[in-house]
Amino acid sequence: MPRTSADTDRRSEILAAAARCFDASGYHNTTIDDIAAAVGVSKPTVYYYFRSKHELLYLIHDEMLDLVLSRHEARAREGFASHSAALEGLMRDVVALTETHPGHLLISFEHYRELSREFKPRIRAKRDRFRSIVREVVRSGMESGEFIVQDVEMTTLAVLGMCNWTYQWLRPESRTAAEVAESFWRFTMRSIAVDPVAQGAV
């Protein structure tokens, strides 16, 4: 039977509730009953839309990765003004998840090992793809003379480390995701850009 828009909305609602439950109580401590209660539906309703808790965990990972990948690809189709602009967009996309998809970053990094054998290779491939995109932007910026980079891999890891770790400490009452992403980007540009002033990082 074809899924309706109401089905799509319900799936999204259940998925968001699962993310909140996993974030609050941990993956192992959360049951399908907990997720159903958080949405206000019955346990069979959850199973109507999702096969298992394993599938919910996989889809939370997948949703987050698809979001950052699709946003980068949309910008790439339009073309980038510079490699620094491309890097800024990638950094903003990751940090923004702390506001738009609370708990997803935590789940992605702290519950990755709980992914089943069925799903883990798919998520690993998308994670590797995103990392490769960041690495390519850094490498291309270096080759074009826009960046001064001695070690592309270490620079890539530093950028990702800054952005990925925000779920540990960023709280809405302290500062916005946009402010944090801009600070991270300016710091990065002052470290690797040949001319940080021209990039607007100073």
N, C-alpha and C. Protein backbone atom coordinates (compact mmCIF):
# COMPACT_ATOMS: atom_id res chain seq x y z
N MET A 1 0.84 -1.20 0.00
CA MET A 1 0.00 0.00 0.00
C MET A 1 0.88 1.25 0.00
N PRO A 2 0.64 2.19 -0.91
CA PRO A 2 1.46 3.40 -0.98
C PRO A 2 1.36 4.22 0.31
N ARG A 3 2.50 4.80 0.70
CA ARG A 3 2.51 5.65 1.88
C ARG A 3 1.96 7.02 1.54
N THR A 4 1.20 7.59 2.47
CA THR A 4 0.62 8.91 2.29
C THR A 4 1.48 9.96 2.96
N SER A 5 1.13 11.23 2.76
CA SER A 5 1.87 12.31 3.43
C SER A 5 1.71 12.19 4.94
N ALA A 6 0.54 11.70 5.38
CA ALA A 6 0.33 11.50 6.82
C ALA A 6 1.28 10.42 7.34
N ASP A 7 1.50 9.38 6.54
CA ASP A 7 2.45 8.34 6.93
C ASP A 7 3.86 8.92 7.04
N THR A 8 4.22 9.75 6.08
CA THR A 8 5.55 10.38 6.10
C THR A 8 5.72 11.23 7.34
N ASP A 9 4.70 12.00 7.67
CA ASP A 9 4.75 12.84 8.87
C ASP A 9 4.89 11.99 10.13
N ARG A 10 4.14 10.89 10.18
CA ARG A 10 4.20 10.03 11.36
C ARG A 10 5.56 9.37 11.49
N ARG A 11 6.12 8.93 10.38
CA ARG A 11 7.47 8.35 10.41
C ARG A 11 8.48 9.37 10.94
N SER A 12 8.37 10.60 10.46
CA SER A 12 9.29 11.64 10.92
C SER A 12 9.12 11.91 12.41
N GLU A 13 7.89 11.89 12.86
CA GLU A 13 7.59 12.13 14.26
C GLU A 13 8.19 11.03 15.14
N ILE A 14 8.02 9.79 14.71
CA ILE A 14 8.57 8.67 15.47
C ILE A 14 10.10 8.71 15.47
N LEU A 15 10.68 9.02 14.32
CA LEU A 15 12.14 9.07 14.21
C LEU A 15 12.71 10.15 15.12
N ALA A 16 12.05 11.32 15.14
CA ALA A 16 12.51 12.42 16.00
C ALA A 16 12.39 12.03 17.47
N ALA A 17 11.31 11.34 17.82
CA ALA A 17 11.13 10.90 19.20
C ALA A 17 12.20 9.88 19.59
N ALA A 18 12.52 8.98 18.67
CA ALA A 18 13.57 7.99 18.94
C ALA A 18 14.91 8.68 19.19
N ALA A 19 15.20 9.70 18.40
CA ALA A 19 16.45 10.44 18.59
C ALA A 19 16.49 11.09 19.97
N ARG A 20 15.37 11.67 20.38
CA ARG A 20 15.32 12.30 21.71
C ARG A 20 15.49 11.26 22.82
N CYS A 21 14.84 10.12 22.65
CA CYS A 21 14.94 9.06 23.67
C CYS A 21 16.35 8.50 23.75
N PHE A 22 16.97 8.24 22.59
CA PHE A 22 18.34 7.72 22.59
C PHE A 22 19.29 8.74 23.21
N ASP A 23 19.05 10.01 22.94
CA ASP A 23 19.88 11.08 23.48
C ASP A 23 19.75 11.15 24.99
N ALA A 24 18.52 11.05 25.48
CA ALA A 24 18.27 11.22 26.91
C ALA A 24 18.65 10.00 27.74
N SER A 25 18.37 8.81 27.22
CA SER A 25 18.53 7.60 28.03
C SER A 25 19.57 6.63 27.52
N GLY A 26 20.08 6.88 26.32
CA GLY A 26 21.01 5.93 25.72
C GLY A 26 20.28 4.91 24.87
N TYR A 27 20.97 4.39 23.89
CA TYR A 27 20.34 3.45 22.97
C TYR A 27 19.88 2.18 23.67
N HIS A 28 20.77 1.59 24.47
CA HIS A 28 20.44 0.31 25.10
C HIS A 28 19.32 0.44 26.13
N ASN A 29 19.22 1.58 26.78
CA ASN A 29 18.21 1.76 27.82
C ASN A 29 16.85 2.18 27.27
N THR A 30 16.78 2.46 25.99
CA THR A 30 15.52 2.89 25.38
C THR A 30 14.82 1.70 24.74
N THR A 31 13.52 1.60 24.99
CA THR A 31 12.73 0.52 24.40
C THR A 31 11.76 1.09 23.37
N ILE A 32 11.21 0.22 22.57
CA ILE A 32 10.18 0.64 21.62
C ILE A 32 8.98 1.21 22.38
N ASP A 33 8.69 0.66 23.56
CA ASP A 33 7.62 1.19 24.39
C ASP A 33 7.89 2.65 24.76
N ASP A 34 9.15 2.96 25.09
CA ASP A 34 9.52 4.34 25.43
C ASP A 34 9.28 5.27 24.25
N ILE A 35 9.66 4.82 23.08
CA ILE A 35 9.50 5.64 21.88
C ILE A 35 8.02 5.84 21.56
N ALA A 36 7.25 4.78 21.67
CA ALA A 36 5.81 4.88 21.43
C ALA A 36 5.18 5.86 22.39
N ALA A 37 5.57 5.78 23.67
CA ALA A 37 5.01 6.68 24.68
C ALA A 37 5.38 8.12 24.40
N ALA A 38 6.59 8.34 23.91
CA ALA A 38 7.05 9.71 23.61
C ALA A 38 6.24 10.33 22.49
N VAL A 39 5.77 9.50 21.57
CA VAL A 39 4.97 10.00 20.44
C VAL A 39 3.49 10.04 20.79
N GLY A 40 3.09 9.15 21.73
CA GLY A 40 1.68 9.04 22.07
C GLY A 40 0.95 8.08 21.17
N VAL A 41 1.65 7.03 20.73
CA VAL A 41 1.04 6.01 19.89
C VAL A 41 1.28 4.65 20.54
N SER A 42 0.70 3.61 19.97
CA SER A 42 0.89 2.27 20.50
C SER A 42 2.19 1.66 19.97
N LYS A 43 2.67 0.65 20.65
CA LYS A 43 3.87 -0.06 20.21
C LYS A 43 3.70 -0.66 18.82
N PRO A 44 2.55 -1.30 18.51
CA PRO A 44 2.36 -1.82 17.14
C PRO A 44 2.43 -0.73 16.08
N THR A 45 2.04 0.49 16.43
CA THR A 45 2.12 1.59 15.45
C THR A 45 3.57 1.86 15.07
N VAL A 46 4.45 1.83 16.07
CA VAL A 46 5.88 2.03 15.78
C VAL A 46 6.37 0.93 14.85
N TYR A 47 5.96 -0.31 15.13
CA TYR A 47 6.39 -1.43 14.29
C TYR A 47 5.75 -1.42 12.91
N TYR A 48 4.66 -0.72 12.76
CA TYR A 48 4.06 -0.57 11.43
C TYR A 48 4.97 0.24 10.52
N TYR A 49 5.64 1.21 11.11
CA TYR A 49 6.50 2.10 10.31
C TYR A 49 7.96 1.68 10.29
N PHE A 50 8.42 0.99 11.32
CA PHE A 50 9.83 0.62 11.42
C PHE A 50 9.95 -0.83 11.89
N ARG A 51 10.91 -1.53 11.30
CA ARG A 51 11.06 -2.95 11.60
C ARG A 51 11.60 -3.21 13.01
N SER A 52 12.48 -2.31 13.48
CA SER A 52 13.16 -2.58 14.74
C SER A 52 13.81 -1.31 15.27
N LYS A 53 14.31 -1.41 16.49
CA LYS A 53 15.08 -0.31 17.07
C LYS A 53 16.38 -0.13 16.30
N HIS A 54 16.93 -1.21 15.78
CA HIS A 54 18.15 -1.12 14.96
C HIS A 54 17.91 -0.25 13.73
N GLU A 55 16.74 -0.42 13.13
CA GLU A 55 16.44 0.37 11.94
C GLU A 55 16.30 1.85 12.31
N LEU A 56 15.69 2.14 13.43
CA LEU A 56 15.55 3.53 13.88
C LEU A 56 16.93 4.17 14.08
N LEU A 57 17.82 3.44 14.71
CA LEU A 57 19.17 3.97 14.94
C LEU A 57 19.86 4.24 13.61
N TYR A 58 19.74 3.30 12.69
CA TYR A 58 20.33 3.47 11.36
C TYR A 58 19.77 4.70 10.66
N LEU A 59 18.46 4.89 10.70
CA LEU A 59 17.83 6.00 9.98
C LEU A 59 18.18 7.35 10.58
N ILE A 60 18.43 7.40 11.89
CA ILE A 60 18.88 8.65 12.51
C ILE A 60 20.25 9.02 11.95
N HIS A 61 21.15 8.05 11.90
CA HIS A 61 22.46 8.29 11.28
C HIS A 61 22.31 8.73 9.83
N ASP A 62 21.50 7.98 9.10
CA ASP A 62 21.34 8.20 7.67
C ASP A 62 20.74 9.57 7.37
N GLU A 63 19.75 9.96 8.15
CA GLU A 63 19.10 11.26 7.96
C GLU A 63 20.09 12.40 8.12
N MET A 64 20.92 12.33 9.14
CA MET A 64 21.90 13.38 9.39
C MET A 64 22.91 13.47 8.26
N LEU A 65 23.43 12.33 7.83
CA LEU A 65 24.43 12.33 6.78
C LEU A 65 23.85 12.78 5.45
N ASP A 66 22.66 12.32 5.13
CA ASP A 66 22.01 12.75 3.89
C ASP A 66 21.81 14.26 3.88
N LEU A 67 21.49 14.82 5.04
CA LEU A 67 21.25 16.25 5.12
C LEU A 67 22.50 17.05 4.78
N VAL A 68 23.62 16.73 5.42
CA VAL A 68 24.83 17.50 5.16
C VAL A 68 25.37 17.23 3.76
N LEU A 69 25.23 16.01 3.27
CA LEU A 69 25.70 15.70 1.92
C LEU A 69 24.87 16.42 0.86
N SER A 70 23.55 16.42 1.03
CA SER A 70 22.68 17.05 0.03
C SER A 70 22.86 18.56 0.02
N ARG A 71 23.08 19.15 1.17
CA ARG A 71 23.29 20.60 1.21
C ARG A 71 24.57 20.99 0.50
N HIS A 72 25.62 20.22 0.72
CA HIS A 72 26.88 20.51 0.02
C HIS A 72 26.70 20.33 -1.49
N GLU A 73 26.04 19.27 -1.89
CA GLU A 73 25.86 19.00 -3.32
C GLU A 73 25.02 20.09 -3.99
N ALA A 74 24.04 20.62 -3.28
CA ALA A 74 23.23 21.70 -3.84
C ALA A 74 24.07 22.94 -4.07
N ARG A 75 24.94 23.27 -3.11
CA ARG A 75 25.81 24.42 -3.27
C ARG A 75 26.84 24.18 -4.38
N ALA A 76 27.33 22.94 -4.47
CA ALA A 76 28.32 22.61 -5.49
C ALA A 76 27.76 22.79 -6.90
N ARG A 77 26.48 22.47 -7.07
CA ARG A 77 25.87 22.65 -8.39
C ARG A 77 25.82 24.12 -8.79
N GLU A 78 25.72 24.99 -7.83
CA GLU A 78 25.69 26.43 -8.11
C GLU A 78 27.09 27.00 -8.28
N GLY A 79 28.08 26.31 -7.74
CA GLY A 79 29.46 26.76 -7.83
C GLY A 79 29.87 27.54 -6.59
N PHE A 80 31.13 27.40 -6.19
CA PHE A 80 31.64 28.08 -5.01
C PHE A 80 32.48 29.29 -5.40
N ALA A 81 32.31 30.35 -4.65
CA ALA A 81 33.11 31.55 -4.90
C ALA A 81 34.58 31.28 -4.59
N SER A 82 34.84 30.39 -3.64
CA SER A 82 36.21 30.09 -3.23
C SER A 82 36.19 28.78 -2.46
N HIS A 83 37.38 28.23 -2.22
CA HIS A 83 37.47 27.03 -1.42
C HIS A 83 37.15 27.33 0.04
N SER A 84 37.47 28.53 0.48
CA SER A 84 37.14 28.89 1.85
C SER A 84 35.62 28.96 2.04
N ALA A 85 34.91 29.42 1.01
CA ALA A 85 33.44 29.46 1.07
C ALA A 85 32.87 28.04 1.12
N ALA A 86 33.47 27.13 0.36
CA ALA A 86 33.03 25.74 0.38
C ALA A 86 33.24 25.12 1.75
N LEU A 87 34.40 25.42 2.34
CA LEU A 87 34.70 24.88 3.66
C LEU A 87 33.78 25.48 4.72
N GLU A 88 33.51 26.75 4.59
CA GLU A 88 32.60 27.41 5.54
C GLU A 88 31.22 26.76 5.51
N GLY A 89 30.72 26.47 4.32
CA GLY A 89 29.41 25.84 4.20
C GLY A 89 29.37 24.48 4.86
N LEU A 90 30.41 23.68 4.66
CA LEU A 90 30.47 22.36 5.28
C LEU A 90 30.50 22.45 6.80
N MET A 91 31.27 23.40 7.31
CA MET A 91 31.36 23.57 8.76
C MET A 91 30.04 24.04 9.34
N ARG A 92 29.39 24.97 8.66
CA ARG A 92 28.09 25.46 9.14
C ARG A 92 27.04 24.35 9.15
N ASP A 93 27.07 23.51 8.14
CA ASP A 93 26.08 22.43 8.06
C ASP A 93 26.18 21.48 9.25
N VAL A 94 27.41 21.13 9.62
CA VAL A 94 27.59 20.19 10.73
C VAL A 94 27.19 20.84 12.05
N VAL A 95 27.67 22.03 12.31
CA VAL A 95 27.38 22.68 13.60
C VAL A 95 25.88 22.98 13.72
N ALA A 96 25.23 23.31 12.61
CA ALA A 96 23.80 23.62 12.64
C ALA A 96 22.96 22.45 13.14
N LEU A 97 23.46 21.24 13.01
CA LEU A 97 22.71 20.07 13.47
C LEU A 97 22.43 20.12 14.96
N THR A 98 23.28 20.82 15.72
CA THR A 98 23.04 20.91 17.16
C THR A 98 21.73 21.65 17.46
N GLU A 99 21.27 22.47 16.51
CA GLU A 99 20.00 23.17 16.67
C GLU A 99 18.87 22.51 15.91
N THR A 100 19.13 22.11 14.70
CA THR A 100 18.05 21.58 13.85
C THR A 100 17.72 20.12 14.14
N HIS A 101 18.72 19.36 14.59
CA HIS A 101 18.53 17.93 14.87
C HIS A 101 19.20 17.58 16.20
N PRO A 102 18.65 18.08 17.30
CA PRO A 102 19.26 17.84 18.61
C PRO A 102 19.43 16.34 18.88
N GLY A 103 20.60 16.00 19.36
CA GLY A 103 20.87 14.60 19.68
C GLY A 103 21.47 13.79 18.55
N HIS A 104 21.30 14.24 17.31
CA HIS A 104 21.77 13.43 16.18
C HIS A 104 23.30 13.29 16.17
N LEU A 105 24.02 14.37 16.48
CA LEU A 105 25.47 14.28 16.49
C LEU A 105 25.94 13.34 17.59
N LEU A 106 25.33 13.47 18.77
CA LEU A 106 25.69 12.56 19.87
C LEU A 106 25.44 11.12 19.45
N ILE A 107 24.28 10.86 18.90
CA ILE A 107 23.94 9.50 18.49
C ILE A 107 24.90 9.00 17.42
N SER A 108 25.24 9.87 16.49
CA SER A 108 26.12 9.49 15.40
C SER A 108 27.50 9.06 15.89
N PHE A 109 28.02 9.75 16.91
CA PHE A 109 29.37 9.46 17.35
C PHE A 109 29.43 8.53 18.56
N GLU A 110 28.41 8.53 19.40
CA GLU A 110 28.46 7.69 20.59
C GLU A 110 27.71 6.38 20.44
N HIS A 111 26.88 6.27 19.39
CA HIS A 111 26.14 5.03 19.19
C HIS A 111 26.41 4.41 17.83
N TYR A 112 27.47 4.84 17.19
CA TYR A 112 27.84 4.26 15.90
C TYR A 112 28.14 2.77 16.05
N ARG A 113 28.79 2.39 17.15
CA ARG A 113 29.17 0.99 17.34
C ARG A 113 27.95 0.08 17.54
N GLU A 114 26.82 0.69 17.92
CA GLU A 114 25.62 -0.12 18.12
C GLU A 114 24.89 -0.45 16.82
N LEU A 115 25.30 0.16 15.73
CA LEU A 115 24.67 -0.16 14.45
C LEU A 115 24.85 -1.65 14.14
N SER A 116 23.83 -2.25 13.57
CA SER A 116 23.91 -3.67 13.26
C SER A 116 24.80 -3.91 12.03
N ARG A 117 25.16 -5.15 11.83
CA ARG A 117 26.01 -5.51 10.68
C ARG A 117 25.31 -5.18 9.36
N GLU A 118 24.00 -5.21 9.38
CA GLU A 118 23.25 -4.88 8.17
C GLU A 118 23.44 -3.42 7.77
N PHE A 119 23.47 -2.54 8.77
CA PHE A 119 23.43 -1.11 8.49
C PHE A 119 24.78 -0.39 8.59
N LYS A 120 25.70 -0.91 9.39
CA LYS A 120 26.95 -0.18 9.63
C LYS A 120 27.74 0.12 8.36
N PRO A 121 27.86 -0.83 7.40
CA PRO A 121 28.63 -0.51 6.19
C PRO A 121 28.04 0.66 5.40
N ARG A 122 26.72 0.79 5.38
CA ARG A 122 26.09 1.90 4.66
C ARG A 122 26.44 3.24 5.29
N ILE A 123 26.41 3.28 6.62
CA ILE A 123 26.73 4.52 7.31
C ILE A 123 28.22 4.83 7.21
N ARG A 124 29.05 3.80 7.32
CA ARG A 124 30.48 4.01 7.18
C ARG A 124 30.81 4.62 5.82
N ALA A 125 30.15 4.14 4.79
CA ALA A 125 30.41 4.65 3.44
C ALA A 125 30.03 6.13 3.33
N LYS A 126 28.92 6.52 3.93
CA LYS A 126 28.51 7.93 3.86
C LYS A 126 29.40 8.81 4.72
N ARG A 127 29.81 8.30 5.87
CA ARG A 127 30.75 9.06 6.71
C ARG A 127 32.06 9.29 5.97
N ASP A 128 32.55 8.23 5.33
CA ASP A 128 33.79 8.34 4.56
C ASP A 128 33.63 9.31 3.40
N ARG A 129 32.46 9.31 2.80
CA ARG A 129 32.20 10.23 1.69
C ARG A 129 32.25 11.68 2.15
N PHE A 130 31.63 11.96 3.29
CA PHE A 130 31.65 13.34 3.78
C PHE A 130 33.06 13.76 4.14
N ARG A 131 33.78 12.89 4.81
CA ARG A 131 35.17 13.20 5.15
C ARG A 131 35.99 13.45 3.89
N SER A 132 35.75 12.67 2.85
CA SER A 132 36.47 12.86 1.59
C SER A 132 36.16 14.20 0.95
N ILE A 133 34.91 14.65 1.10
CA ILE A 133 34.54 15.96 0.55
C ILE A 133 35.31 17.06 1.25
N VAL A 134 35.38 17.01 2.57
CA VAL A 134 36.13 18.01 3.33
C VAL A 134 37.60 17.96 2.93
N ARG A 135 38.15 16.75 2.84
CA ARG A 135 39.55 16.59 2.47
C ARG A 135 39.82 17.17 1.08
N GLU A 136 38.91 16.96 0.15
CA GLU A 136 39.10 17.44 -1.21
C GLU A 136 39.05 18.96 -1.26
N VAL A 137 38.19 19.57 -0.47
CA VAL A 137 38.14 21.04 -0.43
C VAL A 137 39.47 21.59 0.10
N VAL A 138 39.98 20.97 1.15
CA VAL A 138 41.26 21.41 1.71
C VAL A 138 42.38 21.22 0.70
N ARG A 139 42.41 20.04 0.07
CA ARG A 139 43.47 19.75 -0.90
C ARG A 139 43.40 20.69 -2.11
N SER A 140 42.19 20.90 -2.62
CA SER A 140 42.03 21.78 -3.78
C SER A 140 42.41 23.21 -3.43
N GLY A 141 42.06 23.64 -2.23
CA GLY A 141 42.43 24.98 -1.80
C GLY A 141 43.93 25.15 -1.71
N MET A 142 44.61 24.10 -1.27
CA MET A 142 46.07 24.13 -1.20
C MET A 142 46.67 24.18 -2.61
N GLU A 143 46.16 23.33 -3.50
CA GLU A 143 46.72 23.26 -4.85
C GLU A 143 46.45 24.54 -5.65
N SER A 144 45.37 25.23 -5.34
CA SER A 144 45.07 26.48 -6.05
C SER A 144 45.85 27.66 -5.49
N GLY A 145 46.52 27.46 -4.36
CA GLY A 145 47.26 28.54 -3.74
C GLY A 145 46.44 29.38 -2.78
N GLU A 146 45.20 28.95 -2.53
CA GLU A 146 44.34 29.69 -1.60
C GLU A 146 44.69 29.36 -0.14
N PHE A 147 45.10 28.11 0.09
CA PHE A 147 45.45 27.66 1.44
C PHE A 147 46.92 27.30 1.51
N ILE A 148 47.48 27.45 2.70
CA ILE A 148 48.80 26.92 3.01
C ILE A 148 48.59 25.77 3.97
N VAL A 149 48.78 24.56 3.48
CA VAL A 149 48.52 23.37 4.30
C VAL A 149 49.70 22.42 4.17
N GLN A 150 50.27 22.03 5.29
CA GLN A 150 51.38 21.08 5.27
C GLN A 150 50.89 19.64 5.27
N ASP A 151 49.76 19.41 5.92
CA ASP A 151 49.23 18.05 6.03
C ASP A 151 47.72 18.10 5.81
N VAL A 152 47.28 17.67 4.63
CA VAL A 152 45.86 17.75 4.28
C VAL A 152 45.01 16.90 5.21
N GLU A 153 45.48 15.70 5.52
CA GLU A 153 44.69 14.80 6.37
C GLU A 153 44.54 15.36 7.78
N MET A 154 45.61 15.89 8.35
CA MET A 154 45.54 16.44 9.70
C MET A 154 44.64 17.67 9.74
N THR A 155 44.71 18.49 8.70
CA THR A 155 43.85 19.67 8.63
C THR A 155 42.39 19.25 8.54
N THR A 156 42.11 18.23 7.73
CA THR A 156 40.75 17.71 7.60
C THR A 156 40.23 17.22 8.95
N LEU A 157 41.06 16.46 9.66
CA LEU A 157 40.65 15.93 10.96
C LEU A 157 40.43 17.05 11.97
N ALA A 158 41.25 18.09 11.90
CA ALA A 158 41.09 19.22 12.82
C ALA A 158 39.77 19.94 12.59
N VAL A 159 39.43 20.17 11.32
CA VAL A 159 38.18 20.83 10.98
C VAL A 159 36.99 20.00 11.45
N LEU A 160 37.01 18.72 11.12
CA LEU A 160 35.91 17.84 11.52
C LEU A 160 35.83 17.70 13.03
N GLY A 161 36.97 17.63 13.69
CA GLY A 161 36.98 17.50 15.13
C GLY A 161 36.32 18.68 15.83
N MET A 162 36.61 19.88 15.37
CA MET A 162 35.99 21.08 15.95
C MET A 162 34.49 21.03 15.80
N CYS A 163 34.05 20.73 14.60
CA CYS A 163 32.61 20.77 14.31
C CYS A 163 31.86 19.61 14.96
N ASN A 164 32.40 18.42 14.86
CA ASN A 164 31.71 17.25 15.38
C ASN A 164 31.55 17.27 16.89
N TRP A 165 32.47 17.92 17.58
CA TRP A 165 32.49 17.88 19.04
C TRP A 165 31.52 18.87 19.67
N THR A 166 30.88 19.72 18.88
CA THR A 166 30.01 20.76 19.46
C THR A 166 28.85 20.18 20.25
N TYR A 167 28.41 18.98 19.91
CA TYR A 167 27.28 18.41 20.66
C TYR A 167 27.61 18.22 22.14
N GLN A 168 28.91 18.17 22.47
CA GLN A 168 29.31 17.95 23.84
C GLN A 168 29.11 19.18 24.72
N TRP A 169 29.16 20.36 24.13
CA TRP A 169 29.15 21.55 24.98
C TRP A 169 28.22 22.68 24.54
N LEU A 170 27.82 22.71 23.27
CA LEU A 170 27.03 23.83 22.78
C LEU A 170 25.60 23.75 23.32
N ARG A 171 25.16 24.83 23.96
CA ARG A 171 23.81 24.93 24.48
C ARG A 171 23.16 26.20 23.92
N PRO A 172 21.88 26.13 23.58
CA PRO A 172 21.20 27.26 22.93
C PRO A 172 21.29 28.56 23.71
N GLU A 173 21.32 28.47 25.05
CA GLU A 173 21.35 29.68 25.86
C GLU A 173 22.71 30.36 25.88
N SER A 174 23.75 29.65 25.42
CA SER A 174 25.09 30.22 25.46
C SER A 174 25.43 31.00 24.19
N ARG A 175 25.21 30.38 23.04
CA ARG A 175 25.47 31.02 21.75
C ARG A 175 24.79 30.20 20.66
N THR A 176 24.66 30.78 19.49
CA THR A 176 23.97 30.07 18.41
C THR A 176 24.96 29.20 17.64
N ALA A 177 24.41 28.22 16.93
CA ALA A 177 25.24 27.37 16.09
C ALA A 177 25.93 28.19 15.00
N ALA A 178 25.22 29.17 14.46
CA ALA A 178 25.80 30.01 13.41
C ALA A 178 27.01 30.79 13.94
N GLU A 179 26.91 31.28 15.17
CA GLU A 179 28.03 32.03 15.77
C GLU A 179 29.23 31.11 15.97
N VAL A 180 28.97 29.91 16.44
CA VAL A 180 30.06 28.96 16.68
C VAL A 180 30.72 28.56 15.35
N ALA A 181 29.91 28.27 14.35
CA ALA A 181 30.45 27.87 13.05
C ALA A 181 31.31 28.98 12.45
N GLU A 182 30.85 30.21 12.58
CA GLU A 182 31.63 31.33 12.04
C GLU A 182 32.96 31.47 12.78
N SER A 183 32.93 31.31 14.10
CA SER A 183 34.17 31.40 14.88
C SER A 183 35.13 30.30 14.48
N PHE A 184 34.61 29.08 14.31
CA PHE A 184 35.46 27.98 13.87
C PHE A 184 36.06 28.26 12.50
N TRP A 185 35.23 28.76 11.58
CA TRP A 185 35.70 29.03 10.23
C TRP A 185 36.77 30.13 10.23
N ARG A 186 36.54 31.21 10.98
CA ARG A 186 37.53 32.28 11.05
C ARG A 186 38.85 31.78 11.63
N PHE A 187 38.78 30.97 12.65
CA PHE A 187 39.98 30.39 13.25
C PHE A 187 40.73 29.55 12.22
N THR A 188 39.97 28.75 11.47
CA THR A 188 40.59 27.90 10.45
C THR A 188 41.24 28.73 9.36
N MET A 189 40.54 29.76 8.89
CA MET A 189 41.10 30.59 7.83
C MET A 189 42.35 31.34 8.29
N ARG A 190 42.33 31.79 9.53
CA ARG A 190 43.53 32.48 10.02
C ARG A 190 44.71 31.52 10.13
N SER A 191 44.40 30.22 10.17
CA SER A 191 45.46 29.21 10.27
C SER A 191 45.96 28.73 8.91
N ILE A 192 45.07 28.68 7.90
CA ILE A 192 45.49 28.06 6.63
C ILE A 192 45.35 28.96 5.41
N ALA A 193 44.58 30.05 5.49
CA ALA A 193 44.39 30.89 4.30
C ALA A 193 45.63 31.71 4.01
N VAL A 194 46.00 31.79 2.74
CA VAL A 194 47.13 32.63 2.34
C VAL A 194 46.84 34.09 2.67
N ASP A 195 45.59 34.51 2.45
CA ASP A 195 45.19 35.89 2.72
C ASP A 195 43.87 35.90 3.49
N PRO A 196 43.91 35.76 4.81
CA PRO A 196 42.68 35.73 5.61
C PRO A 196 41.85 37.00 5.46
N VAL A 197 42.49 38.11 5.23
CA VAL A 197 41.77 39.38 5.09
C VAL A 197 40.89 39.32 3.85
N ALA A 198 41.46 38.84 2.75
CA ALA A 198 40.69 38.77 1.50
C ALA A 198 39.52 37.80 1.63
N GLN A 199 39.66 36.81 2.48
CA GLN A 199 38.58 35.85 2.67
C GLN A 199 37.51 36.37 3.65
N GLY A 200 37.79 37.51 4.28
CA GLY A 200 36.84 38.06 5.24
C GLY A 200 36.89 37.39 6.58
N ALA A 201 38.01 36.74 6.88
CA ALA A 201 38.14 36.01 8.14
C ALA A 201 38.78 36.85 9.24
N VAL A 202 39.19 38.06 8.89
CA VAL A 202 39.84 38.94 9.88
C VAL A 202 39.08 40.26 9.92
